[in-house]
Amino acid sequence: MGQSTEHDDYLAQQIERTLSKRDAKLPARAVAFVDRVDSCWGFTGRDVLCIGCRNTEEIAAIRGRGARRVTGIDLYSESADILVMDMHALTFGPASFDLVYSSHSFEHARDPRRVASEMLRVLRPGGAVAIEVPVHFEPRGADLHDYGSADGLLAPFADAVTERLFVEEVAAVPPSPPSLRVVFRAQPGETV
């Protein structure tokens, strides 16, 4: 029962955070990440899962770069374009997406290995995963994990990573910490 209460508290905190950002415009750093992913992997003609998109801004940015289908998920949504879903338990079938995209969401995972497993399960063969997370900060509140490095960020994906397409750290823009961006090809399936 303690686990359920803890999980309920986690969900409530995440939903509160989502609600606080639901009307926000897409920050320049997020647009830059969309552009970076597009330049190294390409959205054109691909089916993309956008995890933790909060509002339709990220979805529109990815669609604007030629994605065939962009499916957004978050814990709360008032938009028909964003499905209400927990990244720990994706309801999509196996091999549903060419790209799994997560910008500033993976650090909120209660169970990063479970989320990585779900990402890999819905990834098509030959697909890629794009993740951006803050690094070099003190985890607290909804920010549960500082992965610290590309190796730390990729650890939950175990041996599924087949190729790192790019890794970069973006300088801090106070009051926000630096961000780590990683795009990699992965073997679809589950890690756990």
N, C-alpha and C. Protein backbone atom coordinates (compact mmCIF):
# COMPACT_ATOMS: atom_id res chain seq x y z
N MET A 1 0.82 -1.19 0.00
CA MET A 1 0.00 0.00 0.00
C MET A 1 0.86 1.26 0.00
N GLY A 2 2.02 1.23 0.69
CA GLY A 2 2.93 2.36 0.69
C GLY A 2 3.38 2.73 -0.70
N GLN A 3 3.60 1.71 -1.54
CA GLN A 3 4.02 1.93 -2.92
C GLN A 3 2.96 2.71 -3.68
N SER A 4 1.68 2.35 -3.48
CA SER A 4 0.59 3.03 -4.17
C SER A 4 0.51 4.50 -3.76
N THR A 5 0.62 4.77 -2.47
CA THR A 5 0.59 6.16 -1.99
C THR A 5 1.78 6.93 -2.54
N GLU A 6 2.94 6.32 -2.54
CA GLU A 6 4.14 6.96 -3.07
C GLU A 6 3.96 7.26 -4.56
N HIS A 7 3.40 6.31 -5.30
CA HIS A 7 3.18 6.51 -6.73
C HIS A 7 2.13 7.60 -6.96
N ASP A 8 1.06 7.60 -6.15
CA ASP A 8 0.04 8.64 -6.27
C ASP A 8 0.64 10.02 -6.02
N ASP A 9 1.51 10.13 -5.01
CA ASP A 9 2.19 11.40 -4.72
C ASP A 9 3.06 11.83 -5.90
N TYR A 10 3.78 10.85 -6.47
CA TYR A 10 4.63 11.11 -7.64
C TYR A 10 3.77 11.65 -8.79
N LEU A 11 2.66 10.98 -9.09
CA LEU A 11 1.80 11.41 -10.19
C LEU A 11 1.22 12.80 -9.94
N ALA A 12 0.79 13.06 -8.72
CA ALA A 12 0.23 14.38 -8.39
C ALA A 12 1.27 15.48 -8.60
N GLN A 13 2.50 15.22 -8.18
CA GLN A 13 3.58 16.21 -8.34
C GLN A 13 3.88 16.45 -9.83
N GLN A 14 3.91 15.38 -10.61
CA GLN A 14 4.19 15.51 -12.04
C GLN A 14 3.06 16.26 -12.75
N ILE A 15 1.81 15.95 -12.40
CA ILE A 15 0.68 16.63 -13.03
C ILE A 15 0.70 18.12 -12.68
N GLU A 16 1.01 18.44 -11.45
CA GLU A 16 1.10 19.85 -11.04
C GLU A 16 2.16 20.58 -11.88
N ARG A 17 3.29 19.93 -12.10
CA ARG A 17 4.36 20.52 -12.91
C ARG A 17 3.89 20.72 -14.35
N THR A 18 3.20 19.71 -14.89
CA THR A 18 2.68 19.79 -16.25
C THR A 18 1.70 20.95 -16.39
N LEU A 19 0.79 21.07 -15.43
CA LEU A 19 -0.20 22.14 -15.48
C LEU A 19 0.45 23.52 -15.45
N SER A 20 1.54 23.64 -14.74
CA SER A 20 2.21 24.94 -14.64
C SER A 20 2.84 25.36 -15.96
N LYS A 21 3.04 24.40 -16.88
CA LYS A 21 3.71 24.71 -18.15
C LYS A 21 2.81 24.51 -19.36
N ARG A 22 1.53 24.24 -19.16
CA ARG A 22 0.68 23.87 -20.28
C ARG A 22 0.47 24.98 -21.30
N ASP A 23 0.59 26.24 -20.91
CA ASP A 23 0.40 27.34 -21.85
C ASP A 23 1.71 27.97 -22.30
N ALA A 24 2.81 27.38 -21.90
CA ALA A 24 4.12 27.96 -22.20
C ALA A 24 4.48 27.79 -23.68
N LYS A 25 5.12 28.79 -24.22
CA LYS A 25 5.66 28.69 -25.57
C LYS A 25 6.89 27.79 -25.53
N LEU A 26 7.20 27.19 -26.66
CA LEU A 26 8.35 26.30 -26.74
C LEU A 26 9.63 27.11 -26.58
N PRO A 27 10.43 26.80 -25.55
CA PRO A 27 11.66 27.56 -25.34
C PRO A 27 12.63 27.38 -26.51
N ALA A 28 13.49 28.35 -26.70
CA ALA A 28 14.48 28.30 -27.78
C ALA A 28 15.34 27.05 -27.69
N ARG A 29 15.69 26.61 -26.46
CA ARG A 29 16.51 25.42 -26.31
C ARG A 29 15.78 24.18 -26.84
N ALA A 30 14.45 24.15 -26.68
CA ALA A 30 13.68 23.01 -27.17
C ALA A 30 13.62 23.01 -28.69
N VAL A 31 13.44 24.19 -29.28
CA VAL A 31 13.46 24.31 -30.74
C VAL A 31 14.82 23.86 -31.27
N ALA A 32 15.88 24.25 -30.58
CA ALA A 32 17.23 23.86 -31.00
C ALA A 32 17.40 22.34 -30.95
N PHE A 33 16.81 21.69 -29.94
CA PHE A 33 16.91 20.23 -29.86
C PHE A 33 16.12 19.57 -30.99
N VAL A 34 14.93 20.08 -31.28
CA VAL A 34 14.15 19.56 -32.41
C VAL A 34 14.97 19.69 -33.69
N ASP A 35 15.59 20.85 -33.90
CA ASP A 35 16.42 21.07 -35.10
C ASP A 35 17.61 20.11 -35.13
N ARG A 36 18.23 19.90 -33.98
CA ARG A 36 19.41 19.02 -33.91
C ARG A 36 19.03 17.58 -34.24
N VAL A 37 17.91 17.13 -33.69
CA VAL A 37 17.43 15.77 -33.99
C VAL A 37 17.10 15.66 -35.47
N ASP A 38 16.46 16.68 -36.02
CA ASP A 38 16.11 16.67 -37.44
C ASP A 38 17.36 16.60 -38.31
N SER A 39 18.41 17.31 -37.93
CA SER A 39 19.62 17.33 -38.76
C SER A 39 20.38 16.00 -38.71
N CYS A 40 20.31 15.27 -37.61
CA CYS A 40 21.08 14.03 -37.55
C CYS A 40 20.24 12.79 -37.81
N TRP A 41 18.94 12.87 -37.62
CA TRP A 41 18.10 11.68 -37.79
C TRP A 41 17.01 11.93 -38.83
N GLY A 42 16.43 13.09 -38.82
CA GLY A 42 15.40 13.44 -39.79
C GLY A 42 14.01 13.01 -39.36
N PHE A 43 13.09 13.95 -39.35
CA PHE A 43 11.70 13.64 -38.99
C PHE A 43 10.86 13.28 -40.21
N THR A 44 11.29 13.68 -41.40
CA THR A 44 10.47 13.53 -42.60
C THR A 44 10.02 12.08 -42.80
N GLY A 45 8.69 11.93 -42.89
CA GLY A 45 8.10 10.63 -43.16
C GLY A 45 8.11 9.65 -42.00
N ARG A 46 8.51 10.09 -40.83
CA ARG A 46 8.64 9.18 -39.68
C ARG A 46 7.45 9.33 -38.72
N ASP A 47 7.21 8.24 -37.99
CA ASP A 47 6.23 8.23 -36.91
C ASP A 47 6.98 8.47 -35.61
N VAL A 48 6.58 9.51 -34.89
CA VAL A 48 7.32 9.97 -33.71
C VAL A 48 6.43 9.91 -32.46
N LEU A 49 6.99 9.37 -31.38
CA LEU A 49 6.35 9.45 -30.07
C LEU A 49 7.05 10.55 -29.30
N CYS A 50 6.30 11.53 -28.84
CA CYS A 50 6.83 12.66 -28.08
C CYS A 50 6.37 12.50 -26.63
N ILE A 51 7.30 12.13 -25.75
CA ILE A 51 6.98 11.85 -24.35
C ILE A 51 7.11 13.11 -23.51
N GLY A 52 6.07 13.41 -22.75
CA GLY A 52 6.09 14.54 -21.83
C GLY A 52 6.03 15.88 -22.51
N CYS A 53 5.22 16.00 -23.56
CA CYS A 53 5.21 17.23 -24.36
C CYS A 53 4.45 18.40 -23.73
N ARG A 54 3.69 18.18 -22.68
CA ARG A 54 2.98 19.23 -21.93
C ARG A 54 1.91 19.95 -22.73
N ASN A 55 2.27 20.48 -23.88
CA ASN A 55 1.30 21.17 -24.74
C ASN A 55 1.65 20.86 -26.19
N THR A 56 0.97 21.47 -27.12
CA THR A 56 1.14 21.09 -28.52
C THR A 56 2.32 21.76 -29.22
N GLU A 57 3.06 22.60 -28.52
CA GLU A 57 4.17 23.33 -29.14
C GLU A 57 5.24 22.39 -29.72
N GLU A 58 5.68 21.40 -28.93
CA GLU A 58 6.69 20.45 -29.42
C GLU A 58 6.16 19.62 -30.58
N ILE A 59 4.91 19.19 -30.46
CA ILE A 59 4.29 18.40 -31.52
C ILE A 59 4.27 19.20 -32.82
N ALA A 60 3.88 20.45 -32.75
CA ALA A 60 3.83 21.31 -33.94
C ALA A 60 5.23 21.50 -34.54
N ALA A 61 6.23 21.66 -33.68
CA ALA A 61 7.60 21.84 -34.17
C ALA A 61 8.08 20.60 -34.93
N ILE A 62 7.76 19.43 -34.40
CA ILE A 62 8.17 18.18 -35.06
C ILE A 62 7.37 17.95 -36.34
N ARG A 63 6.08 18.19 -36.29
CA ARG A 63 5.24 18.08 -37.50
C ARG A 63 5.74 19.03 -38.59
N GLY A 64 6.14 20.22 -38.18
CA GLY A 64 6.62 21.23 -39.12
C GLY A 64 7.90 20.82 -39.83
N ARG A 65 8.55 19.80 -39.34
CA ARG A 65 9.77 19.30 -39.98
C ARG A 65 9.50 18.01 -40.76
N GLY A 66 8.22 17.75 -41.04
CA GLY A 66 7.87 16.69 -41.98
C GLY A 66 7.52 15.33 -41.41
N ALA A 67 7.37 15.20 -40.11
CA ALA A 67 6.99 13.90 -39.54
C ALA A 67 5.64 13.47 -40.10
N ARG A 68 5.52 12.18 -40.37
CA ARG A 68 4.25 11.64 -40.89
C ARG A 68 3.18 11.66 -39.80
N ARG A 69 3.58 11.22 -38.60
CA ARG A 69 2.63 11.17 -37.47
C ARG A 69 3.40 11.48 -36.20
N VAL A 70 2.86 12.38 -35.39
CA VAL A 70 3.46 12.71 -34.09
C VAL A 70 2.40 12.44 -33.03
N THR A 71 2.73 11.55 -32.12
CA THR A 71 1.83 11.21 -31.02
C THR A 71 2.45 11.74 -29.74
N GLY A 72 1.76 12.65 -29.08
CA GLY A 72 2.25 13.20 -27.82
C GLY A 72 1.58 12.52 -26.65
N ILE A 73 2.35 12.34 -25.57
CA ILE A 73 1.77 11.83 -24.32
C ILE A 73 2.24 12.69 -23.16
N ASP A 74 1.39 12.78 -22.16
CA ASP A 74 1.74 13.43 -20.90
C ASP A 74 0.74 12.94 -19.85
N LEU A 75 1.02 13.24 -18.61
CA LEU A 75 0.15 12.79 -17.52
C LEU A 75 -1.16 13.56 -17.47
N TYR A 76 -1.20 14.72 -18.11
CA TYR A 76 -2.40 15.54 -18.13
C TYR A 76 -2.45 16.24 -19.48
N SER A 77 -3.64 16.37 -20.03
CA SER A 77 -3.77 17.11 -21.28
C SER A 77 -5.19 17.60 -21.46
N GLU A 78 -5.31 18.78 -22.04
CA GLU A 78 -6.59 19.32 -22.46
C GLU A 78 -6.68 19.31 -23.98
N SER A 79 -5.69 18.73 -24.64
CA SER A 79 -5.61 18.72 -26.10
C SER A 79 -5.87 17.32 -26.65
N ALA A 80 -6.61 17.26 -27.73
CA ALA A 80 -6.84 15.99 -28.41
C ALA A 80 -5.56 15.45 -29.03
N ASP A 81 -4.56 16.31 -29.21
CA ASP A 81 -3.28 15.90 -29.80
C ASP A 81 -2.36 15.21 -28.80
N ILE A 82 -2.70 15.27 -27.51
CA ILE A 82 -1.84 14.69 -26.48
C ILE A 82 -2.64 13.67 -25.69
N LEU A 83 -2.18 12.43 -25.73
CA LEU A 83 -2.85 11.36 -24.99
C LEU A 83 -2.41 11.39 -23.54
N VAL A 84 -3.34 11.16 -22.64
CA VAL A 84 -3.01 11.08 -21.22
C VAL A 84 -2.47 9.67 -20.97
N MET A 85 -1.19 9.62 -20.59
CA MET A 85 -0.53 8.34 -20.45
C MET A 85 0.73 8.51 -19.60
N ASP A 86 1.05 7.49 -18.84
CA ASP A 86 2.26 7.46 -18.02
C ASP A 86 3.38 6.82 -18.83
N MET A 87 4.53 7.47 -18.89
CA MET A 87 5.65 6.93 -19.67
C MET A 87 6.14 5.59 -19.14
N HIS A 88 5.76 5.23 -17.93
CA HIS A 88 6.14 3.94 -17.35
C HIS A 88 5.28 2.80 -17.88
N ALA A 89 4.16 3.11 -18.52
CA ALA A 89 3.22 2.09 -18.99
C ALA A 89 2.57 2.55 -20.29
N LEU A 90 3.33 2.54 -21.37
CA LEU A 90 2.82 2.97 -22.67
C LEU A 90 1.80 1.96 -23.17
N THR A 91 0.71 2.43 -23.75
CA THR A 91 -0.35 1.54 -24.21
C THR A 91 -0.26 1.22 -25.71
N PHE A 92 0.81 1.61 -26.35
CA PHE A 92 1.01 1.33 -27.77
C PHE A 92 1.53 -0.09 -27.95
N GLY A 93 1.27 -0.64 -29.12
CA GLY A 93 1.79 -1.96 -29.43
C GLY A 93 3.29 -1.90 -29.70
N PRO A 94 3.93 -3.06 -29.75
CA PRO A 94 5.35 -3.11 -30.06
C PRO A 94 5.63 -2.52 -31.45
N ALA A 95 6.80 -1.94 -31.60
CA ALA A 95 7.27 -1.43 -32.89
C ALA A 95 6.29 -0.44 -33.53
N SER A 96 5.83 0.53 -32.76
CA SER A 96 4.86 1.51 -33.24
C SER A 96 5.48 2.80 -33.78
N PHE A 97 6.75 3.09 -33.43
CA PHE A 97 7.34 4.39 -33.76
C PHE A 97 8.76 4.24 -34.31
N ASP A 98 9.10 5.17 -35.23
CA ASP A 98 10.46 5.24 -35.78
C ASP A 98 11.39 5.98 -34.83
N LEU A 99 10.83 6.93 -34.08
CA LEU A 99 11.62 7.76 -33.18
C LEU A 99 10.84 7.96 -31.88
N VAL A 100 11.52 7.76 -30.77
CA VAL A 100 10.96 8.10 -29.46
C VAL A 100 11.73 9.33 -28.99
N TYR A 101 11.02 10.42 -28.76
CA TYR A 101 11.59 11.73 -28.45
C TYR A 101 11.15 12.15 -27.05
N SER A 102 12.10 12.55 -26.24
CA SER A 102 11.79 12.97 -24.87
C SER A 102 12.68 14.15 -24.49
N SER A 103 12.08 15.31 -24.34
CA SER A 103 12.84 16.49 -23.95
C SER A 103 12.40 16.93 -22.56
N HIS A 104 13.33 16.86 -21.64
CA HIS A 104 13.08 17.26 -20.25
C HIS A 104 11.90 16.51 -19.62
N SER A 105 11.92 15.19 -19.80
CA SER A 105 10.93 14.31 -19.17
C SER A 105 11.57 13.12 -18.48
N PHE A 106 12.63 12.58 -19.07
CA PHE A 106 13.24 11.35 -18.56
C PHE A 106 13.81 11.53 -17.14
N GLU A 107 14.17 12.74 -16.77
CA GLU A 107 14.68 12.99 -15.42
C GLU A 107 13.57 12.87 -14.37
N HIS A 108 12.32 12.84 -14.82
CA HIS A 108 11.18 12.72 -13.91
C HIS A 108 10.75 11.27 -13.69
N ALA A 109 11.39 10.33 -14.37
CA ALA A 109 10.99 8.92 -14.27
C ALA A 109 11.22 8.37 -12.87
N ARG A 110 10.19 7.77 -12.31
CA ARG A 110 10.34 7.08 -11.02
C ARG A 110 11.23 5.86 -11.20
N ASP A 111 11.07 5.19 -12.34
CA ASP A 111 11.81 3.97 -12.63
C ASP A 111 12.40 4.09 -14.05
N PRO A 112 13.60 4.68 -14.17
CA PRO A 112 14.19 4.90 -15.50
C PRO A 112 14.33 3.62 -16.33
N ARG A 113 14.66 2.51 -15.70
CA ARG A 113 14.79 1.25 -16.47
C ARG A 113 13.45 0.84 -17.06
N ARG A 114 12.38 1.02 -16.32
CA ARG A 114 11.05 0.67 -16.83
C ARG A 114 10.68 1.58 -18.00
N VAL A 115 10.96 2.88 -17.88
CA VAL A 115 10.67 3.81 -18.97
C VAL A 115 11.52 3.47 -20.19
N ALA A 116 12.80 3.18 -19.99
CA ALA A 116 13.67 2.79 -21.10
C ALA A 116 13.12 1.54 -21.78
N SER A 117 12.68 0.59 -20.99
CA SER A 117 12.11 -0.64 -21.52
C SER A 117 10.88 -0.35 -22.37
N GLU A 118 10.03 0.54 -21.90
CA GLU A 118 8.84 0.91 -22.66
C GLU A 118 9.21 1.63 -23.96
N MET A 119 10.19 2.53 -23.89
CA MET A 119 10.64 3.22 -25.10
C MET A 119 11.13 2.21 -26.15
N LEU A 120 11.93 1.26 -25.71
CA LEU A 120 12.48 0.26 -26.63
C LEU A 120 11.39 -0.66 -27.16
N ARG A 121 10.41 -0.97 -26.36
CA ARG A 121 9.33 -1.86 -26.78
C ARG A 121 8.54 -1.25 -27.93
N VAL A 122 8.29 0.06 -27.89
CA VAL A 122 7.48 0.70 -28.94
C VAL A 122 8.31 1.17 -30.13
N LEU A 123 9.63 1.03 -30.05
CA LEU A 123 10.54 1.45 -31.12
C LEU A 123 10.58 0.41 -32.25
N ARG A 124 10.53 0.89 -33.48
CA ARG A 124 10.64 -0.01 -34.63
C ARG A 124 12.10 -0.39 -34.87
N PRO A 125 12.32 -1.54 -35.51
CA PRO A 125 13.69 -1.91 -35.88
C PRO A 125 14.32 -0.78 -36.72
N GLY A 126 15.56 -0.46 -36.41
CA GLY A 126 16.26 0.62 -37.11
C GLY A 126 15.92 2.00 -36.57
N GLY A 127 15.10 2.05 -35.54
CA GLY A 127 14.65 3.32 -34.98
C GLY A 127 15.68 3.98 -34.08
N ALA A 128 15.32 5.17 -33.62
CA ALA A 128 16.22 5.95 -32.76
C ALA A 128 15.46 6.53 -31.58
N VAL A 129 16.23 6.88 -30.56
CA VAL A 129 15.70 7.53 -29.36
C VAL A 129 16.45 8.85 -29.20
N ALA A 130 15.72 9.92 -28.92
CA ALA A 130 16.31 11.24 -28.70
C ALA A 130 15.88 11.72 -27.32
N ILE A 131 16.86 12.01 -26.47
CA ILE A 131 16.57 12.44 -25.10
C ILE A 131 17.38 13.67 -24.75
N GLU A 132 16.71 14.63 -24.12
CA GLU A 132 17.39 15.79 -23.54
C GLU A 132 16.98 15.86 -22.08
N VAL A 133 17.97 15.98 -21.20
CA VAL A 133 17.72 16.09 -19.75
C VAL A 133 18.64 17.15 -19.16
N PRO A 134 18.23 17.76 -18.05
CA PRO A 134 19.16 18.64 -17.33
C PRO A 134 20.21 17.79 -16.63
N VAL A 135 21.40 18.35 -16.47
CA VAL A 135 22.48 17.64 -15.75
C VAL A 135 23.16 18.61 -14.79
N HIS A 136 23.92 18.03 -13.88
CA HIS A 136 24.71 18.79 -12.91
C HIS A 136 23.81 19.68 -12.03
N PHE A 137 22.80 19.05 -11.45
CA PHE A 137 21.89 19.75 -10.55
C PHE A 137 21.59 18.82 -9.37
N GLU A 138 21.00 19.38 -8.36
CA GLU A 138 20.63 18.61 -7.17
C GLU A 138 19.21 18.08 -7.35
N PRO A 139 19.04 16.75 -7.55
CA PRO A 139 17.68 16.21 -7.70
C PRO A 139 16.81 16.54 -6.49
N ARG A 140 15.61 17.03 -6.78
CA ARG A 140 14.64 17.31 -5.72
C ARG A 140 13.29 17.56 -6.37
N GLY A 141 12.25 17.40 -5.59
CA GLY A 141 10.91 17.61 -6.12
C GLY A 141 10.62 16.67 -7.28
N ALA A 142 10.17 17.22 -8.38
CA ALA A 142 9.82 16.43 -9.56
C ALA A 142 11.05 16.02 -10.37
N ASP A 143 12.18 16.70 -10.16
CA ASP A 143 13.42 16.37 -10.87
C ASP A 143 14.13 15.28 -10.08
N LEU A 144 13.90 14.03 -10.47
CA LEU A 144 14.34 12.88 -9.67
C LEU A 144 15.75 12.40 -9.97
N HIS A 145 16.26 12.65 -11.19
CA HIS A 145 17.54 12.06 -11.58
C HIS A 145 18.44 13.06 -12.29
N ASP A 146 19.68 13.13 -11.83
CA ASP A 146 20.74 13.81 -12.58
C ASP A 146 21.61 12.69 -13.14
N TYR A 147 21.48 12.42 -14.42
CA TYR A 147 22.22 11.32 -15.04
C TYR A 147 23.69 11.65 -15.19
N GLY A 148 24.05 12.94 -15.15
CA GLY A 148 25.43 13.37 -15.08
C GLY A 148 26.24 13.31 -16.36
N SER A 149 26.03 12.28 -17.16
CA SER A 149 26.83 12.08 -18.38
C SER A 149 26.04 11.24 -19.37
N ALA A 150 26.55 11.14 -20.59
CA ALA A 150 25.89 10.29 -21.59
C ALA A 150 25.85 8.84 -21.12
N ASP A 151 26.95 8.37 -20.53
CA ASP A 151 26.96 6.99 -20.04
C ASP A 151 25.90 6.79 -18.95
N GLY A 152 25.77 7.77 -18.06
CA GLY A 152 24.75 7.69 -17.02
C GLY A 152 23.34 7.70 -17.60
N LEU A 153 23.12 8.53 -18.60
CA LEU A 153 21.81 8.61 -19.24
C LEU A 153 21.47 7.32 -19.99
N LEU A 154 22.47 6.72 -20.62
CA LEU A 154 22.22 5.52 -21.42
C LEU A 154 22.19 4.24 -20.60
N ALA A 155 22.64 4.29 -19.35
CA ALA A 155 22.69 3.08 -18.50
C ALA A 155 21.33 2.37 -18.40
N PRO A 156 20.21 3.07 -18.26
CA PRO A 156 18.93 2.34 -18.18
C PRO A 156 18.57 1.57 -19.45
N PHE A 157 19.21 1.90 -20.55
CA PHE A 157 18.94 1.22 -21.82
C PHE A 157 19.79 -0.04 -21.99
N ALA A 158 20.63 -0.32 -20.99
CA ALA A 158 21.46 -1.52 -20.96
C ALA A 158 22.24 -1.69 -22.27
N ASP A 159 22.16 -2.85 -22.85
CA ASP A 159 22.93 -3.15 -24.06
C ASP A 159 22.16 -2.87 -25.35
N ALA A 160 21.03 -2.20 -25.26
CA ALA A 160 20.19 -1.96 -26.44
C ALA A 160 20.76 -0.88 -27.37
N VAL A 161 21.64 -0.01 -26.86
CA VAL A 161 22.20 1.07 -27.68
C VAL A 161 23.16 0.48 -28.71
N THR A 162 22.88 0.72 -29.99
CA THR A 162 23.74 0.19 -31.05
C THR A 162 24.64 1.26 -31.67
N GLU A 163 24.21 2.53 -31.60
CA GLU A 163 25.02 3.61 -32.19
C GLU A 163 24.61 4.94 -31.58
N ARG A 164 25.59 5.70 -31.13
CA ARG A 164 25.34 7.07 -30.66
C ARG A 164 25.44 7.98 -31.87
N LEU A 165 24.36 8.64 -32.22
CA LEU A 165 24.36 9.53 -33.37
C LEU A 165 24.90 10.90 -33.00
N PHE A 166 24.57 11.39 -31.82
CA PHE A 166 25.25 12.57 -31.29
C PHE A 166 25.01 12.68 -29.80
N VAL A 167 26.00 13.30 -29.17
CA VAL A 167 25.96 13.60 -27.74
C VAL A 167 26.48 15.02 -27.61
N GLU A 168 25.75 15.85 -26.89
CA GLU A 168 26.25 17.20 -26.64
C GLU A 168 25.71 17.72 -25.33
N GLU A 169 26.52 18.52 -24.68
CA GLU A 169 26.07 19.20 -23.47
C GLU A 169 25.88 20.67 -23.83
N VAL A 170 24.73 21.19 -23.44
CA VAL A 170 24.38 22.58 -23.73
C VAL A 170 24.59 23.38 -22.45
N ALA A 171 25.28 24.49 -22.56
CA ALA A 171 25.60 25.32 -21.40
C ALA A 171 24.35 25.76 -20.64
N ALA A 172 24.54 25.97 -19.37
CA ALA A 172 23.45 26.44 -18.51
C ALA A 172 22.99 27.82 -18.94
N VAL A 173 21.70 28.04 -18.82
CA VAL A 173 21.11 29.36 -19.00
C VAL A 173 20.35 29.63 -17.69
N PRO A 174 21.03 30.33 -16.76
CA PRO A 174 20.44 30.53 -15.43
C PRO A 174 19.00 31.04 -15.52
N PRO A 175 18.12 30.51 -14.69
CA PRO A 175 18.40 29.67 -13.53
C PRO A 175 18.46 28.18 -13.84
N SER A 176 18.34 27.80 -15.10
CA SER A 176 18.35 26.37 -15.45
C SER A 176 19.77 25.82 -15.52
N PRO A 177 19.94 24.53 -15.17
CA PRO A 177 21.25 23.90 -15.28
C PRO A 177 21.57 23.55 -16.73
N PRO A 178 22.79 23.07 -17.00
CA PRO A 178 23.11 22.61 -18.35
C PRO A 178 22.19 21.45 -18.75
N SER A 179 22.13 21.18 -20.04
CA SER A 179 21.35 20.06 -20.56
C SER A 179 22.26 19.11 -21.32
N LEU A 180 21.91 17.85 -21.28
CA LEU A 180 22.60 16.81 -22.04
C LEU A 180 21.64 16.31 -23.11
N ARG A 181 22.12 16.28 -24.35
CA ARG A 181 21.31 15.80 -25.47
C ARG A 181 21.99 14.56 -26.06
N VAL A 182 21.20 13.52 -26.23
CA VAL A 182 21.72 12.28 -26.80
C VAL A 182 20.70 11.75 -27.79
N VAL A 183 21.17 11.39 -28.97
CA VAL A 183 20.34 10.68 -29.95
C VAL A 183 21.08 9.41 -30.28
N PHE A 184 20.38 8.29 -30.19
CA PHE A 184 21.03 7.00 -30.44
C PHE A 184 20.08 6.03 -31.12
N ARG A 185 20.70 5.14 -31.88
CA ARG A 185 19.95 4.02 -32.44
C ARG A 185 19.94 2.93 -31.39
N ALA A 186 18.86 2.17 -31.38
CA ALA A 186 18.75 1.13 -30.38
C ALA A 186 18.07 -0.10 -30.97
N GLN A 187 18.38 -1.21 -30.38
CA GLN A 187 17.74 -2.47 -30.71
C GLN A 187 16.37 -2.46 -30.04
N PRO A 188 15.29 -2.58 -30.80
CA PRO A 188 13.97 -2.59 -30.16
C PRO A 188 13.82 -3.81 -29.26
N GLY A 189 12.87 -3.74 -28.36
CA GLY A 189 12.63 -4.82 -27.41
C GLY A 189 12.56 -4.24 -26.03
N GLU A 190 12.70 -5.09 -25.03
CA GLU A 190 12.62 -4.62 -23.65
C GLU A 190 13.95 -4.87 -22.95
N THR A 191 14.31 -3.96 -22.03
CA THR A 191 15.55 -4.13 -21.27
C THR A 191 15.30 -4.85 -19.96
N VAL A 192 14.06 -4.83 -19.46
CA VAL A 192 13.75 -5.49 -18.19
C VAL A 192 12.77 -6.61 -18.40
